[in-house]
Structure formats: C-alpha cells, structure tokens
Amino acid sequence: MVRLGWIRPALAGEGRGETGVADVVRAALGGIRAGKMEILADDNCVQLKAALSAVPRVLQPQAIPAA
C-alpha cells in the first residue's frame, strides 16, 4: 500500500509543499524492492503515522490536564 499526501504535478517542485509524481514513483519502487507492505511516499505521511502512535499529551499538551 502506498500512502501519500497532495500531488499537483503542474506545481510540484515549486516549493508549495506538494510531492511530485516522480518522487512518489521513486518511493514506491524503492519500497517494493525492499519488500515493504506499506510505503509512505512523502514527509507528511511519515509525520502523520508517527503522530498516530504518540502520547496524546505530546500532540496537544494544553488539552490534557497534568496529573
């Protein structure tokens, strides 16, 4: 499974935060060659996956009162 964020081929590479199609293909092929079941094709996906396993207090310290 390849996971990725926004792709806008016409604007990719212009510093707008989108991932280019070539970058996704490179990441996908590299992941397939490495035998990965899940491929995170851009930095946003890597950060999101890391955040999902973080302690809630790390994500929003103001929302959880100190014990």
PDB file of N, CA and C in Angstrom:
ATOM      1  N   MET A   1       0.846  -1.167   0.000  1.00  0.00           N
ATOM      2  CA  MET A   1       0.000   0.000   0.000  1.00  0.00           C
ATOM      3  C   MET A   1       0.897   1.238   0.000  1.00  0.00           C
ATOM      4  N   VAL A   2       0.636   2.132  -0.901  1.00  0.00           N
ATOM      5  CA  VAL A   2       1.384   3.389  -0.971  1.00  0.00           C
ATOM      6  C   VAL A   2       0.506   4.493  -0.410  1.00  0.00           C
ATOM      7  N   ARG A   3       1.031   5.217   0.547  1.00  0.00           N
ATOM      8  CA  ARG A   3       0.294   6.339   1.147  1.00  0.00           C
ATOM      9  C   ARG A   3       1.014   7.635   0.796  1.00  0.00           C
ATOM     10  N   LEU A   4       0.229   8.649   0.458  1.00  0.00           N
ATOM     11  CA  LEU A   4       0.830   9.930   0.117  1.00  0.00           C
ATOM     12  C   LEU A   4      -0.149  11.061   0.358  1.00  0.00           C
ATOM     13  N   GLY A   5       0.390  12.262   0.381  1.00  0.00           N
ATOM     14  CA  GLY A   5      -0.428  13.455   0.581  1.00  0.00           C
ATOM     15  C   GLY A   5      -0.820  14.063  -0.760  1.00  0.00           C
ATOM     16  N   TRP A   6      -0.812  15.386  -0.818  1.00  0.00           N
ATOM     17  CA  TRP A   6      -1.234  16.097  -2.023  1.00  0.00           C
ATOM     18  C   TRP A   6      -0.215  15.968  -3.141  1.00  0.00           C
ATOM     19  N   ILE A   7      -0.722  15.730  -4.346  1.00  0.00           N
ATOM     20  CA  ILE A   7       0.120  15.725  -5.550  1.00  0.00           C
ATOM     21  C   ILE A   7      -0.501  16.680  -6.548  1.00  0.00           C
ATOM     22  N   ARG A   8       0.296  17.619  -6.994  1.00  0.00           N
ATOM     23  CA  ARG A   8      -0.154  18.540  -8.045  1.00  0.00           C
ATOM     24  C   ARG A   8       0.981  18.643  -9.041  1.00  0.00           C
ATOM     25  N   PRO A   9       0.980  17.778 -10.046  1.00  0.00           N
ATOM     26  CA  PRO A   9       2.107  17.718 -10.977  1.00  0.00           C
ATOM     27  C   PRO A   9       2.503  19.056 -11.583  1.00  0.00           C
ATOM     28  N   ALA A  10       1.547  19.913 -11.874  1.00  0.00           N
ATOM     29  CA  ALA A  10       1.872  21.193 -12.502  1.00  0.00           C
ATOM     30  C   ALA A  10       2.633  22.118 -11.551  1.00  0.00           C
ATOM     31  N   LEU A  11       2.455  21.941 -10.253  1.00  0.00           N
ATOM     32  CA  LEU A  11       3.087  22.837  -9.290  1.00  0.00           C
ATOM     33  C   LEU A  11       4.191  22.177  -8.478  1.00  0.00           C
ATOM     34  N   ALA A  12       4.338  20.871  -8.570  1.00  0.00           N
ATOM     35  CA  ALA A  12       5.333  20.160  -7.766  1.00  0.00           C
ATOM     36  C   ALA A  12       6.725  20.707  -8.053  1.00  0.00           C
ATOM     37  N   GLY A  13       7.503  20.816  -7.018  1.00  0.00           N
ATOM     38  CA  GLY A  13       8.857  21.309  -7.172  1.00  0.00           C
ATOM     39  C   GLY A  13       8.958  22.820  -7.116  1.00  0.00           C
ATOM     40  N   GLU A  14       7.861  23.501  -6.897  1.00  0.00           N
ATOM     41  CA  GLU A  14       7.885  24.956  -6.824  1.00  0.00           C
ATOM     42  C   GLU A  14       7.834  25.450  -5.384  1.00  0.00           C
ATOM     43  N   GLY A  15       8.147  24.572  -4.434  1.00  0.00           N
ATOM     44  CA  GLY A  15       8.175  24.984  -3.041  1.00  0.00           C
ATOM     45  C   GLY A  15       6.806  25.171  -2.423  1.00  0.00           C
ATOM     46  N   ARG A  16       5.795  24.508  -2.936  1.00  0.00           N
ATOM     47  CA  ARG A  16       4.435  24.681  -2.430  1.00  0.00           C
ATOM     48  C   ARG A  16       4.005  23.547  -1.515  1.00  0.00           C
ATOM     49  N   GLY A  17       4.906  22.613  -1.201  1.00  0.00           N
ATOM     50  CA  GLY A  17       4.576  21.551  -0.276  1.00  0.00           C
ATOM     51  C   GLY A  17       3.989  20.301  -0.890  1.00  0.00           C
ATOM     52  N   GLU A  18       3.754  20.293  -2.198  1.00  0.00           N
ATOM     53  CA  GLU A  18       3.227  19.105  -2.832  1.00  0.00           C
ATOM     54  C   GLU A  18       4.370  18.168  -3.194  1.00  0.00           C
ATOM     55  N   THR A  19       4.049  16.905  -3.294  1.00  0.00           N
ATOM     56  CA  THR A  19       5.022  15.902  -3.700  1.00  0.00           C
ATOM     57  C   THR A  19       4.877  15.677  -5.196  1.00  0.00           C
ATOM     58  N   GLY A  20       5.990  15.592  -5.888  1.00  0.00           N
ATOM     59  CA  GLY A  20       5.959  15.360  -7.322  1.00  0.00           C
ATOM     60  C   GLY A  20       5.693  13.901  -7.649  1.00  0.00           C
ATOM     61  N   VAL A  21       5.145  13.663  -8.809  1.00  0.00           N
ATOM     62  CA  VAL A  21       4.817  12.314  -9.249  1.00  0.00           C
ATOM     63  C   VAL A  21       6.077  11.450  -9.286  1.00  0.00           C
ATOM     64  N   ALA A  22       7.173  11.987  -9.772  1.00  0.00           N
ATOM     65  CA  ALA A  22       8.425  11.218  -9.847  1.00  0.00           C
ATOM     66  C   ALA A  22       8.889  10.803  -8.450  1.00  0.00           C
ATOM     67  N   ASP A  23       8.693  11.665  -7.457  1.00  0.00           N
ATOM     68  CA  ASP A  23       9.076  11.328  -6.082  1.00  0.00           C
ATOM     69  C   ASP A  23       8.252  10.155  -5.560  1.00  0.00           C
ATOM     70  N   VAL A  24       6.968  10.151  -5.863  1.00  0.00           N
ATOM     71  CA  VAL A  24       6.081   9.068  -5.424  1.00  0.00           C
ATOM     72  C   VAL A  24       6.488   7.756  -6.079  1.00  0.00           C
ATOM     73  N   VAL A  25       6.767   7.801  -7.377  1.00  0.00           N
ATOM     74  CA  VAL A  25       7.168   6.595  -8.092  1.00  0.00           C
ATOM     75  C   VAL A  25       8.479   6.063  -7.533  1.00  0.00           C
ATOM     76  N   ARG A  26       9.429   6.956  -7.265  1.00  0.00           N
ATOM     77  CA  ARG A  26      10.716   6.548  -6.694  1.00  0.00           C
ATOM     78  C   ARG A  26      10.523   5.871  -5.339  1.00  0.00           C
ATOM     79  N   ALA A  27       9.692   6.478  -4.486  1.00  0.00           N
ATOM     80  CA  ALA A  27       9.426   5.916  -3.153  1.00  0.00           C
ATOM     81  C   ALA A  27       8.721   4.567  -3.268  1.00  0.00           C
ATOM     82  N   ALA A  28       7.752   4.469  -4.173  1.00  0.00           N
ATOM     83  CA  ALA A  28       7.007   3.216  -4.348  1.00  0.00           C
ATOM     84  C   ALA A  28       7.921   2.099  -4.838  1.00  0.00           C
ATOM     85  N   LEU A  29       8.718   2.371  -5.846  1.00  0.00           N
ATOM     86  CA  LEU A  29       9.619   1.340  -6.367  1.00  0.00           C
ATOM     87  C   LEU A  29      10.650   0.926  -5.329  1.00  0.00           C
ATOM     88  N   GLY A  30      11.177   1.901  -4.591  1.00  0.00           N
ATOM     89  CA  GLY A  30      12.133   1.581  -3.533  1.00  0.00           C
ATOM     90  C   GLY A  30      11.511   0.710  -2.452  1.00  0.00           C
ATOM     91  N   GLY A  31      10.275   1.014  -2.081  1.00  0.00           N
ATOM     92  CA  GLY A  31       9.571   0.221  -1.079  1.00  0.00           C
ATOM     93  C   GLY A  31       9.265  -1.180  -1.564  1.00  0.00           C
ATOM     94  N   ILE A  32       8.867  -1.296  -2.826  1.00  0.00           N
ATOM     95  CA  ILE A  32       8.578  -2.614  -3.404  1.00  0.00           C
ATOM     96  C   ILE A  32       9.850  -3.457  -3.438  1.00  0.00           C
ATOM     97  N   ARG A  33      10.939  -2.857  -3.877  1.00  0.00           N
ATOM     98  CA  ARG A  33      12.220  -3.581  -3.926  1.00  0.00           C
ATOM     99  C   ARG A  33      12.675  -4.015  -2.536  1.00  0.00           C
ATOM    100  N   ALA A  34      12.352  -3.217  -1.524  1.00  0.00           N
ATOM    101  CA  ALA A  34      12.737  -3.542  -0.148  1.00  0.00           C
ATOM    102  C   ALA A  34      11.758  -4.521   0.507  1.00  0.00           C
ATOM    103  N   GLY A  35      10.669  -4.855  -0.204  1.00  0.00           N
ATOM    104  CA  GLY A  35       9.704  -5.806   0.324  1.00  0.00           C
ATOM    105  C   GLY A  35       8.755  -5.233   1.363  1.00  0.00           C
ATOM    106  N   LYS A  36       8.590  -3.933   1.367  1.00  0.00           N
ATOM    107  CA  LYS A  36       7.697  -3.293   2.343  1.00  0.00           C
ATOM    108  C   LYS A  36       6.232  -3.510   1.983  1.00  0.00           C
ATOM    109  N   MET A  37       5.409  -3.689   3.009  1.00  0.00           N
ATOM    110  CA  MET A  37       3.963  -3.822   2.804  1.00  0.00           C
ATOM    111  C   MET A  37       3.290  -2.441   2.773  1.00  0.00           C
ATOM    112  N   GLU A  38       3.905  -1.462   3.428  1.00  0.00           N
ATOM    113  CA  GLU A  38       3.366  -0.102   3.471  1.00  0.00           C
ATOM    114  C   GLU A  38       4.482   0.851   3.093  1.00  0.00           C
ATOM    115  N   ILE A  39       4.179   1.751   2.173  1.00  0.00           N
ATOM    116  CA  ILE A  39       5.162   2.711   1.688  1.00  0.00           C
ATOM    117  C   ILE A  39       4.621   4.109   1.944  1.00  0.00           C
ATOM    118  N   LEU A  40       5.365   4.893   2.699  1.00  0.00           N
ATOM    119  CA  LEU A  40       4.986   6.279   2.976  1.00  0.00           C
ATOM    120  C   LEU A  40       5.756   7.154   1.998  1.00  0.00           C
ATOM    121  N   ALA A  41       5.049   7.717   1.028  1.00  0.00           N
ATOM    122  CA  ALA A  41       5.694   8.365  -0.111  1.00  0.00           C
ATOM    123  C   ALA A  41       6.086   9.814   0.114  1.00  0.00           C
ATOM    124  N   ASP A  42       5.673  10.429   1.210  1.00  0.00           N
ATOM    125  CA  ASP A  42       6.078  11.812   1.437  1.00  0.00           C
ATOM    126  C   ASP A  42       6.232  12.085   2.933  1.00  0.00           C
ATOM    127  N   ASP A  43       6.856  13.212   3.245  1.00  0.00           N
ATOM    128  CA  ASP A  43       7.130  13.561   4.647  1.00  0.00           C
ATOM    129  C   ASP A  43       5.858  13.744   5.461  1.00  0.00           C
ATOM    130  N   ASN A  44       4.794  14.257   4.843  1.00  0.00           N
ATOM    131  CA  ASN A  44       3.542  14.440   5.589  1.00  0.00           C
ATOM    132  C   ASN A  44       3.005  13.108   6.097  1.00  0.00           C
ATOM    133  N   CYS A  45       3.077  12.076   5.282  1.00  0.00           N
ATOM    134  CA  CYS A  45       2.599  10.750   5.706  1.00  0.00           C
ATOM    135  C   CYS A  45       3.474  10.180   6.813  1.00  0.00           C
ATOM    136  N   VAL A  46       4.777  10.377   6.707  1.00  0.00           N
ATOM    137  CA  VAL A  46       5.696   9.896   7.742  1.00  0.00           C
ATOM    138  C   VAL A  46       5.375  10.573   9.073  1.00  0.00           C
ATOM    139  N   GLN A  47       5.174  11.888   9.053  1.00  0.00           N
ATOM    140  CA  GLN A  47       4.860  12.636  10.268  1.00  0.00           C
ATOM    141  C   GLN A  47       3.503  12.232  10.838  1.00  0.00           C
ATOM    142  N   LEU A  48       2.516  12.030   9.981  1.00  0.00           N
ATOM    143  CA  LEU A  48       1.189  11.639  10.437  1.00  0.00           C
ATOM    144  C   LEU A  48       1.227  10.265  11.094  1.00  0.00           C
ATOM    145  N   LYS A  49       1.904   9.322  10.467  1.00  0.00           N
ATOM    146  CA  LYS A  49       1.988   7.980  11.044  1.00  0.00           C
ATOM    147  C   LYS A  49       2.683   8.025  12.402  1.00  0.00           C
ATOM    148  N   ALA A  50       3.737   8.806  12.533  1.00  0.00           N
ATOM    149  CA  ALA A  50       4.436   8.938  13.810  1.00  0.00           C
ATOM    150  C   ALA A  50       3.520   9.568  14.857  1.00  0.00           C
ATOM    151  N   ALA A  51       2.727  10.543  14.462  1.00  0.00           N
ATOM    152  CA  ALA A  51       1.831  11.227  15.397  1.00  0.00           C
ATOM    153  C   ALA A  51       0.722  10.303  15.890  1.00  0.00           C
ATOM    154  N   LEU A  52       0.292   9.370  15.059  1.00  0.00           N
ATOM    155  CA  LEU A  52      -0.785   8.468  15.459  1.00  0.00           C
ATOM    156  C   LEU A  52      -0.392   7.572  16.628  1.00  0.00           C
ATOM    157  N   SER A  53       0.888   7.302  16.763  1.00  0.00           N
ATOM    158  CA  SER A  53       1.336   6.454  17.866  1.00  0.00           C
ATOM    159  C   SER A  53       1.910   7.259  19.031  1.00  0.00           C
ATOM    160  N   ALA A  54       1.846   8.574  18.945  1.00  0.00           N
ATOM    161  CA  ALA A  54       2.380   9.428  20.006  1.00  0.00           C
ATOM    162  C   ALA A  54       1.424   9.478  21.202  1.00  0.00           C
ATOM    163  N   VAL A  55       1.978   9.810  22.339  1.00  0.00           N
ATOM    164  CA  VAL A  55       1.181  10.003  23.545  1.00  0.00           C
ATOM    165  C   VAL A  55       0.335  11.259  23.343  1.00  0.00           C
ATOM    166  N   PRO A  56      -0.969  11.221  23.647  1.00  0.00           N
ATOM    167  CA  PRO A  56      -1.831  12.387  23.420  1.00  0.00           C
ATOM    168  C   PRO A  56      -1.280  13.688  24.019  1.00  0.00           C
ATOM    169  N   ARG A  57      -0.638  13.617  25.174  1.00  0.00           N
ATOM    170  CA  ARG A  57      -0.096  14.823  25.811  1.00  0.00           C
ATOM    171  C   ARG A  57       0.962  15.488  24.925  1.00  0.00           C
ATOM    172  N   VAL A  58       1.670  14.699  24.123  1.00  0.00           N
ATOM    173  CA  VAL A  58       2.683  15.251  23.217  1.00  0.00           C
ATOM    174  C   VAL A  58       2.015  16.012  22.079  1.00  0.00           C
ATOM    175  N   LEU A  59       0.897  15.492  21.574  1.00  0.00           N
ATOM    176  CA  LEU A  59       0.228  16.109  20.445  1.00  0.00           C
ATOM    177  C   LEU A  59      -0.462  17.420  20.815  1.00  0.00           C
ATOM    178  N   GLN A  60      -1.169  17.425  21.951  1.00  0.00           N
ATOM    179  CA  GLN A  60      -1.896  18.621  22.386  1.00  0.00           C
ATOM    180  C   GLN A  60      -1.793  18.755  23.901  1.00  0.00           C
ATOM    181  N   PRO A  61      -0.680  19.235  24.381  1.00  0.00           N
ATOM    182  CA  PRO A  61      -0.470  19.303  25.832  1.00  0.00           C
ATOM    183  C   PRO A  61      -1.495  20.179  26.554  1.00  0.00           C
ATOM    184  N   GLN A  62      -2.034  21.178  25.900  1.00  0.00           N
ATOM    185  CA  GLN A  62      -2.995  22.056  26.531  1.00  0.00           C
ATOM    186  C   GLN A  62      -4.354  21.401  26.736  1.00  0.00           C
ATOM    187  N   ALA A  63      -4.635  20.320  26.005  1.00  0.00           N
ATOM    188  CA  ALA A  63      -5.945  19.676  26.083  1.00  0.00           C
ATOM    189  C   ALA A  63      -6.042  18.653  27.204  1.00  0.00           C
ATOM    190  N   ILE A  64      -4.918  18.224  27.743  1.00  0.00           N
ATOM    191  CA  ILE A  64      -4.915  17.191  28.777  1.00  0.00           C
ATOM    192  C   ILE A  64      -4.287  17.763  30.044  1.00  0.00           C
ATOM    193  N   PRO A  65      -5.070  17.852  31.132  1.00  0.00           N
ATOM    194  CA  PRO A  65      -4.524  18.401  32.373  1.00  0.00           C
ATOM    195  C   PRO A  65      -3.393  17.533  32.939  1.00  0.00           C
ATOM    196  N   ALA A  66      -2.441  18.151  33.551  1.00  0.00           N
ATOM    197  CA  ALA A  66      -1.333  17.425  34.169  1.00  0.00           C
ATOM    198  C   ALA A  66      -1.838  16.586  35.320  1.00  0.00           C
ATOM    199  N   ALA A  67      -1.275  15.417  35.492  1.00  0.00           N
ATOM    200  CA  ALA A  67      -1.708  14.506  36.562  1.00  0.00           C
ATOM    201  C   ALA A  67      -1.095  14.882  37.885  1.00  0.00           C
TER     202      ALA A  67
END
